Amino acid sequence: MPKRRRTVPPILARKDYDAPSAFTPESLLREARRQKGLAPAPVPAICVLDPDGDLVRHLAAEGRTELDSGWACYHTALHRFADDGIEFGIVGCAVGAAFAVLVAEELFASGCRFLVSVTSAGQLAPLRTPPYFILIDRALRDEGTSYHYAPPSELSAADDRLLAMTAGAFDDVRVPVLRGATWTTDAPFRETAAAIAAMKEKGLLAVEMEAAALYAFAAARGKLVLCFAHVTNQMGRVEGDFDKGEAGGAVDSLQVIRAAARSWRRTLGTGNAGASWT
């Protein structure tokens, strides 16, 4: 009986990680600007991904955001806001690995130099009662997007420079900011008991939907991305779950973002990273 040939899953087949993409964020934004009659314009140097949208809604309710009319993305709105004398760009509701990386590509193509993602996450290790934050240093690649940017491996990792710059940065944040590894999944409603147990055995602290892909993108493109998990729930397995804190967790998230931005400006935010808006 002939042996059955082992087939490579399509997501791992025919990948040339060193080859440039034929379709680029610059070309997409160029055509979007042409269709919308927009001139090239840079986004702020520091941008934020807010997958849940709580931070955008909170800032808008306080009258602190301004819609960026020059943002040409087909799928999202970019808002600008100032905090502690720092200008930020923020995109809300870009949830999931593929969407987050699509927006990240467009932000960096438009002048972003440092991107912070703060996403809600489910608790795996009972470190303390939620809510609290985890500075994600590594993320398990249980999603699809990262495999288009980096060869197969178990984990994606944050840039060592970003991790080093955050030493002591969150000491004054009122909600604890811990550090560790998370599980990034594309399918939150397939978090089975067996899968959760396996991830706990690996020492992963929380489950979220973006970090592994964002870190793979950042490493492949040479960009600076820092991801935080806002641990707010136990995946609905207890009553009274998903309590994020004041203003849907926006007040605490803003403290974390502010601290990260200060650290970046103090340590890595000098010089000219360059950007293309063509």
C-alpha atoms as a PDB file:
ATOM      1  CA  MET A   1       0.000   0.000   0.000  1.00  0.00           C
ATOM      2  CA  PRO A   2       1.559   3.318  -1.038  1.00  0.00           C
ATOM      3  CA  LYS A   3       2.408   5.763   1.691  1.00  0.00           C
ATOM      4  CA  ARG A   4       0.182   8.793   1.932  1.00  0.00           C
ATOM      5  CA  ARG A   5       2.123  11.931   1.141  1.00  0.00           C
ATOM      6  CA  ARG A   6       2.238  14.429   3.951  1.00  0.00           C
ATOM      7  CA  THR A   7       0.837  17.729   2.742  1.00  0.00           C
ATOM      8  CA  VAL A   8       1.925  21.100   4.063  1.00  0.00           C
ATOM      9  CA  PRO A   9      -0.964  23.242   5.311  1.00  0.00           C
ATOM     10  CA  PRO A  10      -1.589  26.122   2.892  1.00  0.00           C
ATOM     11  CA  ILE A  11      -0.747  28.687   5.565  1.00  0.00           C
ATOM     12  CA  LEU A  12       2.804  27.298   5.715  1.00  0.00           C
ATOM     13  CA  ALA A  13       3.296  26.564   2.022  1.00  0.00           C
ATOM     14  CA  ARG A  14       5.115  28.680  -0.571  1.00  0.00           C
ATOM     15  CA  LYS A  15       6.336  31.306   1.887  1.00  0.00           C
ATOM     16  CA  ASP A  16       9.357  33.408   0.955  1.00  0.00           C
ATOM     17  CA  TYR A  17       9.901  35.518   4.029  1.00  0.00           C
ATOM     18  CA  ASP A  18      12.648  37.633   2.457  1.00  0.00           C
ATOM     19  CA  ALA A  19      10.652  38.523  -0.657  1.00  0.00           C
ATOM     20  CA  PRO A  20       8.947  41.916  -0.827  1.00  0.00           C
ATOM     21  CA  SER A  21       5.172  41.977  -1.073  1.00  0.00           C
ATOM     22  CA  ALA A  22       3.636  42.850  -4.424  1.00  0.00           C
ATOM     23  CA  PHE A  23       0.768  44.548  -2.577  1.00  0.00           C
ATOM     24  CA  THR A  24       1.924  47.188  -0.112  1.00  0.00           C
ATOM     25  CA  PRO A  25       0.211  49.465   2.408  1.00  0.00           C
ATOM     26  CA  GLU A  26       1.766  52.441   0.614  1.00  0.00           C
ATOM     27  CA  SER A  27       0.047  51.543  -2.671  1.00  0.00           C
ATOM     28  CA  LEU A  28      -3.284  50.931  -0.956  1.00  0.00           C
ATOM     29  CA  LEU A  29      -3.133  54.275   0.832  1.00  0.00           C
ATOM     30  CA  ARG A  30      -2.036  56.026  -2.365  1.00  0.00           C
ATOM     31  CA  GLU A  31      -5.107  54.809  -4.209  1.00  0.00           C
ATOM     32  CA  ALA A  32      -7.387  55.484  -1.256  1.00  0.00           C
ATOM     33  CA  ARG A  33      -6.147  59.069  -1.109  1.00  0.00           C
ATOM     34  CA  ARG A  34      -6.675  59.431  -4.850  1.00  0.00           C
ATOM     35  CA  GLN A  35     -10.252  58.213  -4.609  1.00  0.00           C
ATOM     36  CA  LYS A  36     -11.024  60.340  -1.540  1.00  0.00           C
ATOM     37  CA  GLY A  37      -9.193  63.460  -2.726  1.00  0.00           C
ATOM     38  CA  LEU A  38      -6.784  63.465   0.218  1.00  0.00           C
ATOM     39  CA  ALA A  39      -3.258  64.828   0.314  1.00  0.00           C
ATOM     40  CA  PRO A  40      -0.474  62.761   1.909  1.00  0.00           C
ATOM     41  CA  ALA A  41      -0.265  63.577   5.630  1.00  0.00           C
ATOM     42  CA  PRO A  42       1.607  61.893   8.484  1.00  0.00           C
ATOM     43  CA  VAL A  43      -0.062  60.361  11.509  1.00  0.00           C
ATOM     44  CA  PRO A  44       1.344  61.082  15.005  1.00  0.00           C
ATOM     45  CA  ALA A  45       4.642  59.414  15.870  1.00  0.00           C
ATOM     46  CA  ILE A  46       2.963  57.457  18.674  1.00  0.00           C
ATOM     47  CA  CYS A  47      -0.203  55.547  17.821  1.00  0.00           C
ATOM     48  CA  VAL A  48      -2.510  53.271  19.771  1.00  0.00           C
ATOM     49  CA  LEU A  49      -4.565  50.230  18.854  1.00  0.00           C
ATOM     50  CA  ASP A  50      -7.710  49.991  20.999  1.00  0.00           C
ATOM     51  CA  PRO A  51      -9.362  46.721  19.898  1.00  0.00           C
ATOM     52  CA  ASP A  52     -12.301  47.021  22.296  1.00  0.00           C
ATOM     53  CA  GLY A  53     -12.934  50.682  21.436  1.00  0.00           C
ATOM     54  CA  ASP A  54     -13.422  51.640  25.093  1.00  0.00           C
ATOM     55  CA  LEU A  55     -10.616  54.162  25.104  1.00  0.00           C
ATOM     56  CA  VAL A  56     -11.790  55.879  21.906  1.00  0.00           C
ATOM     57  CA  ARG A  57     -15.345  56.119  23.231  1.00  0.00           C
ATOM     58  CA  HIS A  58     -14.166  57.483  26.580  1.00  0.00           C
ATOM     59  CA  LEU A  59     -11.958  60.142  25.008  1.00  0.00           C
ATOM     60  CA  ALA A  60     -14.697  61.139  22.571  1.00  0.00           C
ATOM     61  CA  ALA A  61     -17.237  61.441  25.398  1.00  0.00           C
ATOM     62  CA  GLU A  62     -14.852  63.808  27.179  1.00  0.00           C
ATOM     63  CA  GLY A  63     -14.422  65.873  24.021  1.00  0.00           C
ATOM     64  CA  ARG A  64     -10.725  65.039  23.816  1.00  0.00           C
ATOM     65  CA  THR A  65     -10.513  63.513  20.334  1.00  0.00           C
ATOM     66  CA  GLU A  66     -10.360  64.997  16.880  1.00  0.00           C
ATOM     67  CA  LEU A  67     -11.084  62.927  13.782  1.00  0.00           C
ATOM     68  CA  ASP A  68      -8.075  62.788  11.477  1.00  0.00           C
ATOM     69  CA  SER A  69      -9.580  63.756   8.131  1.00  0.00           C
ATOM     70  CA  GLY A  70      -6.385  62.812   6.292  1.00  0.00           C
ATOM     71  CA  TRP A  71      -6.415  59.148   7.356  1.00  0.00           C
ATOM     72  CA  ALA A  72      -7.062  57.218   4.152  1.00  0.00           C
ATOM     73  CA  CYS A  73      -7.701  53.715   5.520  1.00  0.00           C
ATOM     74  CA  TYR A  74     -10.776  52.081   3.976  1.00  0.00           C
ATOM     75  CA  HIS A  75     -11.714  50.217   7.145  1.00  0.00           C
ATOM     76  CA  THR A  76     -11.079  52.442  10.157  1.00  0.00           C
ATOM     77  CA  ALA A  77     -11.189  55.961  11.555  1.00  0.00           C
ATOM     78  CA  LEU A  78      -8.115  57.526  13.145  1.00  0.00           C
ATOM     79  CA  HIS A  79      -8.606  59.957  15.999  1.00  0.00           C
ATOM     80  CA  ARG A  80      -6.011  62.264  17.503  1.00  0.00           C
ATOM     81  CA  PHE A  81      -5.787  63.190  21.155  1.00  0.00           C
ATOM     82  CA  ALA A  82      -3.262  64.810  23.465  1.00  0.00           C
ATOM     83  CA  ASP A  83      -2.234  63.555  26.882  1.00  0.00           C
ATOM     84  CA  ASP A  84       0.559  64.789  29.100  1.00  0.00           C
ATOM     85  CA  GLY A  85       1.755  66.995  26.255  1.00  0.00           C
ATOM     86  CA  ILE A  86       2.053  64.031  23.884  1.00  0.00           C
ATOM     87  CA  GLU A  87       0.024  63.742  20.686  1.00  0.00           C
ATOM     88  CA  PHE A  88      -1.367  60.298  19.915  1.00  0.00           C
ATOM     89  CA  GLY A  89      -3.212  58.717  17.040  1.00  0.00           C
ATOM     90  CA  ILE A  90      -5.697  56.023  18.003  1.00  0.00           C
ATOM     91  CA  VAL A  91      -7.699  53.436  16.061  1.00  0.00           C
ATOM     92  CA  GLY A  92     -10.538  51.657  17.819  1.00  0.00           C
ATOM     93  CA  CYS A  93     -12.212  48.298  17.274  1.00  0.00           C
ATOM     94  CA  ALA A  94      -9.463  46.727  15.125  1.00  0.00           C
ATOM     95  CA  VAL A  95      -9.899  43.399  16.867  1.00  0.00           C
ATOM     96  CA  GLY A  96      -8.091  40.196  15.916  1.00  0.00           C
ATOM     97  CA  ALA A  97      -4.654  39.461  14.516  1.00  0.00           C
ATOM     98  CA  ALA A  98      -5.329  40.070  10.834  1.00  0.00           C
ATOM     99  CA  PHE A  99      -7.174  43.359  11.362  1.00  0.00           C
ATOM    100  CA  ALA A 100      -4.629  44.641  13.881  1.00  0.00           C
ATOM    101  CA  VAL A 101      -1.683  43.976  11.565  1.00  0.00           C
ATOM    102  CA  LEU A 102      -3.479  45.488   8.559  1.00  0.00           C
ATOM    103  CA  VAL A 103      -3.937  48.719  10.512  1.00  0.00           C
ATOM    104  CA  ALA A 104      -0.405  48.553  11.923  1.00  0.00           C
ATOM    105  CA  GLU A 105       1.037  48.273   8.413  1.00  0.00           C
ATOM    106  CA  GLU A 106      -0.925  51.351   7.337  1.00  0.00           C
ATOM    107  CA  LEU A 107       0.019  53.349  10.441  1.00  0.00           C
ATOM    108  CA  PHE A 108       3.737  52.745  10.004  1.00  0.00           C
ATOM    109  CA  ALA A 109       3.453  53.509   6.294  1.00  0.00           C
ATOM    110  CA  SER A 110       1.919  56.829   7.336  1.00  0.00           C
ATOM    111  CA  GLY A 111       4.580  57.968   9.782  1.00  0.00           C
ATOM    112  CA  CYS A 112       3.946  56.101  13.035  1.00  0.00           C
ATOM    113  CA  ARG A 113       7.187  55.280  14.848  1.00  0.00           C
ATOM    114  CA  PHE A 114       5.907  53.565  18.003  1.00  0.00           C
ATOM    115  CA  LEU A 115       2.679  51.576  18.271  1.00  0.00           C
ATOM    116  CA  VAL A 116       1.029  50.537  21.536  1.00  0.00           C
ATOM    117  CA  SER A 117      -1.753  47.943  21.641  1.00  0.00           C
ATOM    118  CA  VAL A 118      -3.960  47.506  24.712  1.00  0.00           C
ATOM    119  CA  THR A 119      -6.403  44.624  24.366  1.00  0.00           C
ATOM    120  CA  SER A 120      -8.744  42.959  26.830  1.00  0.00           C
ATOM    121  CA  ALA A 121      -7.693  39.441  27.776  1.00  0.00           C
ATOM    122  CA  GLY A 122      -8.919  36.378  29.609  1.00  0.00           C
ATOM    123  CA  GLN A 123      -7.124  35.181  32.711  1.00  0.00           C
ATOM    124  CA  LEU A 124      -5.219  31.892  32.521  1.00  0.00           C
ATOM    125  CA  ALA A 125      -2.973  32.083  35.576  1.00  0.00           C
ATOM    126  CA  PRO A 126      -4.774  33.332  38.705  1.00  0.00           C
ATOM    127  CA  LEU A 127      -2.124  35.911  39.540  1.00  0.00           C
ATOM    128  CA  ARG A 128      -4.633  38.250  41.198  1.00  0.00           C
ATOM    129  CA  THR A 129      -8.235  39.387  40.861  1.00  0.00           C
ATOM    130  CA  PRO A 130      -8.931  41.173  37.550  1.00  0.00           C
ATOM    131  CA  PRO A 131      -8.593  43.787  36.260  1.00  0.00           C
ATOM    132  CA  TYR A 132      -4.838  44.209  35.843  1.00  0.00           C
ATOM    133  CA  PHE A 133      -2.375  44.530  32.965  1.00  0.00           C
ATOM    134  CA  ILE A 134       0.290  42.281  31.508  1.00  0.00           C
ATOM    135  CA  LEU A 135       3.148  43.711  29.503  1.00  0.00           C
ATOM    136  CA  ILE A 136       3.361  40.954  26.898  1.00  0.00           C
ATOM    137  CA  ASP A 137       6.955  39.890  26.331  1.00  0.00           C
ATOM    138  CA  ARG A 138       6.086  36.769  24.276  1.00  0.00           C
ATOM    139  CA  ALA A 139       2.934  35.423  22.683  1.00  0.00           C
ATOM    140  CA  LEU A 140       2.080  31.916  21.502  1.00  0.00           C
ATOM    141  CA  ARG A 141       1.259  31.898  17.781  1.00  0.00           C
ATOM    142  CA  ASP A 142      -2.143  30.219  17.684  1.00  0.00           C
ATOM    143  CA  GLU A 143      -3.347  32.504  14.880  1.00  0.00           C
ATOM    144  CA  GLY A 144      -2.734  32.768  11.164  1.00  0.00           C
ATOM    145  CA  THR A 145      -1.308  36.193  10.414  1.00  0.00           C
ATOM    146  CA  SER A 146       2.116  35.733  12.000  1.00  0.00           C
ATOM    147  CA  TYR A 147       2.923  32.817   9.678  1.00  0.00           C
ATOM    148  CA  HIS A 148       2.913  35.196   6.724  1.00  0.00           C
ATOM    149  CA  TYR A 149       5.631  37.292   8.375  1.00  0.00           C
ATOM    150  CA  ALA A 150       7.887  34.776  10.126  1.00  0.00           C
ATOM    151  CA  PRO A 151       8.759  31.074   9.802  1.00  0.00           C
ATOM    152  CA  PRO A 152       6.955  28.636  12.096  1.00  0.00           C
ATOM    153  CA  SER A 153       7.877  28.818  15.774  1.00  0.00           C
ATOM    154  CA  GLU A 154       5.972  28.559  19.002  1.00  0.00           C
ATOM    155  CA  LEU A 155       6.240  32.175  20.102  1.00  0.00           C
ATOM    156  CA  SER A 156       6.587  35.741  18.887  1.00  0.00           C
ATOM    157  CA  ALA A 157       8.574  38.118  21.085  1.00  0.00           C
ATOM    158  CA  ALA A 158       8.638  41.811  21.845  1.00  0.00           C
ATOM    159  CA  ASP A 159      11.654  43.887  20.891  1.00  0.00           C
ATOM    160  CA  ASP A 160      14.263  43.695  23.665  1.00  0.00           C
ATOM    161  CA  ARG A 161      14.826  47.452  23.464  1.00  0.00           C
ATOM    162  CA  LEU A 162      11.184  48.132  24.234  1.00  0.00           C
ATOM    163  CA  LEU A 163      11.176  45.732  27.148  1.00  0.00           C
ATOM    164  CA  ALA A 164      14.330  47.316  28.544  1.00  0.00           C
ATOM    165  CA  MET A 165      12.983  50.846  28.258  1.00  0.00           C
ATOM    166  CA  THR A 166       9.932  49.981  30.368  1.00  0.00           C
ATOM    167  CA  ALA A 167      11.905  49.073  33.497  1.00  0.00           C
ATOM    168  CA  GLY A 168      10.198  50.973  36.292  1.00  0.00           C
ATOM    169  CA  ALA A 169       7.926  52.800  33.872  1.00  0.00           C
ATOM    170  CA  PHE A 170       4.700  51.509  35.422  1.00  0.00           C
ATOM    171  CA  ASP A 171       5.558  51.896  39.093  1.00  0.00           C
ATOM    172  CA  ASP A 172       3.107  54.781  39.489  1.00  0.00           C
ATOM    173  CA  VAL A 173       0.227  53.192  37.535  1.00  0.00           C
ATOM    174  CA  ARG A 174      -2.602  52.502  39.966  1.00  0.00           C
ATOM    175  CA  VAL A 175      -3.508  49.113  38.475  1.00  0.00           C
ATOM    176  CA  PRO A 176      -0.664  46.546  38.536  1.00  0.00           C
ATOM    177  CA  VAL A 177       1.294  45.987  35.318  1.00  0.00           C
ATOM    178  CA  LEU A 178       2.858  42.527  35.361  1.00  0.00           C
ATOM    179  CA  ARG A 179       5.034  40.975  32.657  1.00  0.00           C
ATOM    180  CA  GLY A 180       4.820  37.622  30.918  1.00  0.00           C
ATOM    181  CA  ALA A 181       3.636  35.542  27.998  1.00  0.00           C
ATOM    182  CA  THR A 182       0.153  35.190  26.529  1.00  0.00           C
ATOM    183  CA  TRP A 183      -1.773  32.940  24.170  1.00  0.00           C
ATOM    184  CA  THR A 184      -2.906  34.623  20.947  1.00  0.00           C
ATOM    185  CA  THR A 185      -5.836  32.899  19.279  1.00  0.00           C
ATOM    186  CA  ASP A 186      -8.010  33.622  16.265  1.00  0.00           C
ATOM    187  CA  ALA A 187     -10.960  31.725  17.714  1.00  0.00           C
ATOM    188  CA  PRO A 188     -12.007  32.886  21.185  1.00  0.00           C
ATOM    189  CA  PHE A 189     -15.108  30.729  21.159  1.00  0.00           C
ATOM    190  CA  ARG A 190     -12.958  27.629  20.634  1.00  0.00           C
ATOM    191  CA  GLU A 191     -11.082  28.048  23.900  1.00  0.00           C
ATOM    192  CA  THR A 192     -11.841  24.535  25.113  1.00  0.00           C
ATOM    193  CA  ALA A 193     -11.089  23.234  28.583  1.00  0.00           C
ATOM    194  CA  ALA A 194      -8.303  21.059  27.176  1.00  0.00           C
ATOM    195  CA  ALA A 195      -6.755  23.966  25.281  1.00  0.00           C
ATOM    196  CA  ILE A 196      -6.911  26.218  28.334  1.00  0.00           C
ATOM    197  CA  ALA A 197      -5.249  23.543  30.462  1.00  0.00           C
ATOM    198  CA  ALA A 198      -2.487  23.108  27.886  1.00  0.00           C
ATOM    199  CA  MET A 199      -1.795  26.825  27.774  1.00  0.00           C
ATOM    200  CA  LYS A 200      -1.650  26.997  31.567  1.00  0.00           C
ATOM    201  CA  GLU A 201       0.927  24.182  31.535  1.00  0.00           C
ATOM    202  CA  LYS A 202       3.070  26.303  29.208  1.00  0.00           C
ATOM    203  CA  GLY A 203       3.083  29.067  31.805  1.00  0.00           C
ATOM    204  CA  LEU A 204       1.011  31.481  29.730  1.00  0.00           C
ATOM    205  CA  LEU A 205      -0.733  34.134  31.789  1.00  0.00           C
ATOM    206  CA  ALA A 206      -3.668  35.262  29.639  1.00  0.00           C
ATOM    207  CA  VAL A 207      -5.400  34.807  26.293  1.00  0.00           C
ATOM    208  CA  GLU A 208      -5.896  37.565  23.725  1.00  0.00           C
ATOM    209  CA  MET A 209      -6.215  37.959  19.952  1.00  0.00           C
ATOM    210  CA  GLU A 210      -3.479  40.217  18.537  1.00  0.00           C
ATOM    211  CA  ALA A 211      -0.046  40.155  20.173  1.00  0.00           C
ATOM    212  CA  ALA A 212       1.645  37.219  18.394  1.00  0.00           C
ATOM    213  CA  ALA A 213       0.840  38.655  14.982  1.00  0.00           C
ATOM    214  CA  LEU A 214       1.796  42.213  15.905  1.00  0.00           C
ATOM    215  CA  TYR A 215       5.155  41.058  17.235  1.00  0.00           C
ATOM    216  CA  ALA A 216       5.852  38.921  14.168  1.00  0.00           C
ATOM    217  CA  PHE A 217       5.012  41.881  11.934  1.00  0.00           C
ATOM    218  CA  ALA A 218       7.194  44.198  14.025  1.00  0.00           C
ATOM    219  CA  ALA A 219      10.198  41.876  13.868  1.00  0.00           C
ATOM    220  CA  ALA A 220       9.834  41.298  10.134  1.00  0.00           C
ATOM    221  CA  ARG A 221       9.405  44.991   9.323  1.00  0.00           C
ATOM    222  CA  GLY A 222      11.810  46.413  11.884  1.00  0.00           C
ATOM    223  CA  LYS A 223       9.064  48.375  13.649  1.00  0.00           C
ATOM    224  CA  LEU A 224       8.476  49.147  17.319  1.00  0.00           C
ATOM    225  CA  VAL A 225       5.292  47.624  18.735  1.00  0.00           C
ATOM    226  CA  LEU A 226       4.474  47.025  22.389  1.00  0.00           C
ATOM    227  CA  CYS A 227       1.427  44.993  23.439  1.00  0.00           C
ATOM    228  CA  PHE A 228      -0.448  44.961  26.718  1.00  0.00           C
ATOM    229  CA  ALA A 229      -3.116  42.521  27.844  1.00  0.00           C
ATOM    230  CA  HIS A 230      -5.770  44.126  30.042  1.00  0.00           C
ATOM    231  CA  VAL A 231      -6.849  41.063  32.014  1.00  0.00           C
ATOM    232  CA  THR A 232     -10.505  41.745  32.663  1.00  0.00           C
ATOM    233  CA  ASN A 233     -12.232  38.387  32.684  1.00  0.00           C
ATOM    234  CA  GLN A 234     -12.148  34.648  33.224  1.00  0.00           C
ATOM    235  CA  MET A 235     -13.717  33.927  29.835  1.00  0.00           C
ATOM    236  CA  GLY A 236     -17.229  34.277  31.198  1.00  0.00           C
ATOM    237  CA  ARG A 237     -16.876  31.250  33.466  1.00  0.00           C
ATOM    238  CA  VAL A 238     -17.876  33.185  36.597  1.00  0.00           C
ATOM    239  CA  GLU A 239     -20.775  35.506  37.322  1.00  0.00           C
ATOM    240  CA  GLY A 240     -20.027  39.225  37.209  1.00  0.00           C
ATOM    241  CA  ASP A 241     -17.188  38.776  34.709  1.00  0.00           C
ATOM    242  CA  PHE A 242     -15.796  41.378  32.263  1.00  0.00           C
ATOM    243  CA  ASP A 243     -15.636  44.259  34.764  1.00  0.00           C
ATOM    244  CA  LYS A 244     -12.893  46.451  33.300  1.00  0.00           C
ATOM    245  CA  GLY A 245     -12.863  49.232  35.846  1.00  0.00           C
ATOM    246  CA  GLU A 246     -13.580  52.954  35.572  1.00  0.00           C
ATOM    247  CA  ALA A 247     -14.941  54.067  32.170  1.00  0.00           C
ATOM    248  CA  GLY A 248     -14.687  50.543  30.784  1.00  0.00           C
ATOM    249  CA  GLY A 249     -11.048  50.390  31.793  1.00  0.00           C
ATOM    250  CA  ALA A 250     -10.166  53.448  29.719  1.00  0.00           C
ATOM    251  CA  VAL A 251      -8.786  55.476  32.622  1.00  0.00           C
ATOM    252  CA  ASP A 252      -6.343  52.744  33.614  1.00  0.00           C
ATOM    253  CA  SER A 253      -5.430  51.945  30.005  1.00  0.00           C
ATOM    254  CA  LEU A 254      -4.600  55.584  29.405  1.00  0.00           C
ATOM    255  CA  GLN A 255      -2.214  55.535  32.364  1.00  0.00           C
ATOM    256  CA  VAL A 256      -0.391  52.536  30.886  1.00  0.00           C
ATOM    257  CA  ILE A 257      -0.202  54.117  27.427  1.00  0.00           C
ATOM    258  CA  ARG A 258       1.050  57.396  28.878  1.00  0.00           C
ATOM    259  CA  ALA A 259       3.808  55.626  30.811  1.00  0.00           C
ATOM    260  CA  ALA A 260       4.908  53.639  27.742  1.00  0.00           C
ATOM    261  CA  ALA A 261       4.929  56.774  25.585  1.00  0.00           C
ATOM    262  CA  ARG A 262       7.014  58.694  28.100  1.00  0.00           C
ATOM    263  CA  SER A 263       9.547  55.862  28.197  1.00  0.00           C
ATOM    264  CA  TRP A 264       9.764  55.676  24.423  1.00  0.00           C
ATOM    265  CA  ARG A 265      10.249  59.423  24.037  1.00  0.00           C
ATOM    266  CA  ARG A 266      12.930  59.427  26.722  1.00  0.00           C
ATOM    267  CA  THR A 267      14.920  56.476  25.399  1.00  0.00           C
ATOM    268  CA  LEU A 268      14.156  55.511  21.788  1.00  0.00           C
ATOM    269  CA  GLY A 269      12.127  58.360  20.342  1.00  0.00           C
ATOM    270  CA  THR A 270      15.047  60.517  19.239  1.00  0.00           C
ATOM    271  CA  GLY A 271      16.322  60.745  15.695  1.00  0.00           C
ATOM    272  CA  ASN A 272      14.421  60.242  12.470  1.00  0.00           C
ATOM    273  CA  ALA A 273      12.902  56.840  11.823  1.00  0.00           C
ATOM    274  CA  GLY A 274      11.739  57.960   8.392  1.00  0.00           C
ATOM    275  CA  ALA A 275       8.392  57.342   6.785  1.00  0.00           C
ATOM    276  CA  SER A 276       6.864  57.123   3.356  1.00  0.00           C
ATOM    277  CA  TRP A 277       3.495  58.707   2.576  1.00  0.00           C
ATOM    278  CA  THR A 278       3.589  58.224  -1.174  1.00  0.00           C
END
